[in-house]
Amino acid sequence: MALIQLFRASGGNGQVIPGMSFLSLIYVLPDRLGKGIGGMMLDAVIEEANRRGCLRIYLWTHERQNERAHRLYRSRSFARTGRTMHDDE
């Protein structure tokens, strides 16, 4: 499962920013991890976002968790912005 949304200003509560989207999640069932499903979904998300004119996709992850997700995003040329925030982990 993957969910991508239009990117909004003000932490997601403001106006839509044209040409940008926000990847809310990619989820692969645990027994299916390592089979390339996440990569296929991310490729489809990127393709669909581009088709809709969204040439920039933002997402966030926990900085010290989920190295598997970090590897996936890096493999598709996502890069860290250096912006951090605290979460109710």
Protein backbone atom coordinates (compact mmCIF):
# COMPACT_ATOMS: atom_id res chain seq x y z
CA MET A 1 0.00 0.00 0.00
CA ALA A 2 1.23 3.50 -0.80
CA LEU A 3 -0.33 6.89 -0.19
CA ILE A 4 0.78 10.11 -1.84
CA GLN A 5 -0.96 13.43 -1.36
CA LEU A 6 -0.73 16.96 -2.65
CA PHE A 7 1.86 18.92 -0.68
CA ARG A 8 0.39 21.64 1.52
CA ALA A 9 2.04 24.60 3.21
CA SER A 10 1.96 25.15 6.97
CA GLY A 11 2.81 21.59 7.97
CA GLY A 12 0.12 20.07 5.78
CA ASN A 13 -2.69 22.40 6.83
CA GLY A 14 -2.21 25.22 4.33
CA GLN A 15 -2.75 25.74 0.65
CA VAL A 16 -1.68 23.19 -1.93
CA ILE A 17 1.74 23.95 -3.39
CA PRO A 18 1.69 23.22 -7.14
CA GLY A 19 4.27 20.78 -8.49
CA MET A 20 4.91 19.15 -5.12
CA SER A 21 3.54 16.07 -3.41
CA PHE A 22 3.97 14.30 -0.08
CA LEU A 23 4.52 10.57 0.27
CA SER A 24 2.60 9.67 3.42
CA LEU A 25 3.44 5.98 3.48
CA ILE A 26 4.59 2.86 1.77
CA TYR A 27 3.67 -0.34 3.55
CA VAL A 28 4.67 -3.86 2.62
CA LEU A 29 3.46 -6.86 4.60
CA PRO A 30 6.30 -8.16 6.76
CA ASP A 31 6.31 -11.59 5.08
CA ARG A 32 6.79 -9.87 1.69
CA LEU A 33 9.77 -7.69 2.66
CA GLY A 34 12.87 -8.07 0.53
CA LYS A 35 10.99 -9.08 -2.63
CA GLY A 36 11.19 -5.69 -4.41
CA ILE A 37 7.57 -4.74 -3.76
CA GLY A 38 8.42 -1.47 -2.01
CA GLY A 39 10.62 -0.45 -4.93
CA MET A 40 7.89 -1.25 -7.44
CA MET A 41 5.38 0.77 -5.45
CA LEU A 42 7.76 3.70 -5.07
CA ASP A 43 8.50 3.65 -8.81
CA ALA A 44 4.74 3.70 -9.53
CA VAL A 45 4.24 6.59 -7.07
CA ILE A 46 7.05 8.60 -8.68
CA GLU A 47 5.69 7.92 -12.17
CA GLU A 48 2.14 8.91 -11.21
CA ALA A 49 3.31 12.05 -9.39
CA ASN A 50 5.32 13.07 -12.47
CA ARG A 51 2.33 12.37 -14.73
CA ARG A 52 0.28 14.73 -12.58
CA GLY A 53 2.93 17.44 -12.79
CA CYS A 54 4.43 16.90 -9.33
CA LEU A 55 8.14 16.88 -9.98
CA ARG A 56 9.12 17.01 -6.31
CA ILE A 57 8.09 14.48 -3.67
CA TYR A 58 8.67 15.01 0.03
CA LEU A 59 8.48 12.45 2.81
CA TRP A 60 9.71 12.04 6.35
CA THR A 61 11.09 9.13 8.28
CA HIS A 62 12.41 8.56 11.76
CA GLU A 63 16.06 9.51 11.68
CA ARG A 64 17.32 6.52 13.68
CA GLN A 65 14.77 3.89 12.67
CA ASN A 66 13.85 1.98 9.57
CA GLU A 67 17.13 1.70 7.70
CA ARG A 68 15.34 -0.49 5.14
CA ALA A 69 13.12 2.47 4.15
CA HIS A 70 16.12 4.82 4.08
CA ARG A 71 17.90 2.46 1.65
CA LEU A 72 14.81 2.31 -0.56
CA TYR A 73 14.46 6.09 -0.75
CA ARG A 74 18.18 6.61 -1.37
CA SER A 75 18.04 4.04 -4.19
CA ARG A 76 15.52 6.32 -5.94
CA SER A 77 17.63 9.47 -5.39
CA PHE A 78 15.73 10.87 -2.42
CA ALA A 79 18.04 12.96 -0.25
CA ARG A 80 17.91 14.23 3.30
CA THR A 81 17.01 17.88 3.67
CA GLY A 82 18.71 18.22 7.02
CA ARG A 83 15.45 19.34 8.58
CA THR A 84 14.53 17.52 11.75
CA MET A 85 11.62 17.66 14.14
CA HIS A 86 10.55 15.90 17.29
CA ASP A 87 7.86 13.27 17.19
CA ASP A 88 5.82 11.43 19.81
CA GLU A 89 7.65 8.16 19.04
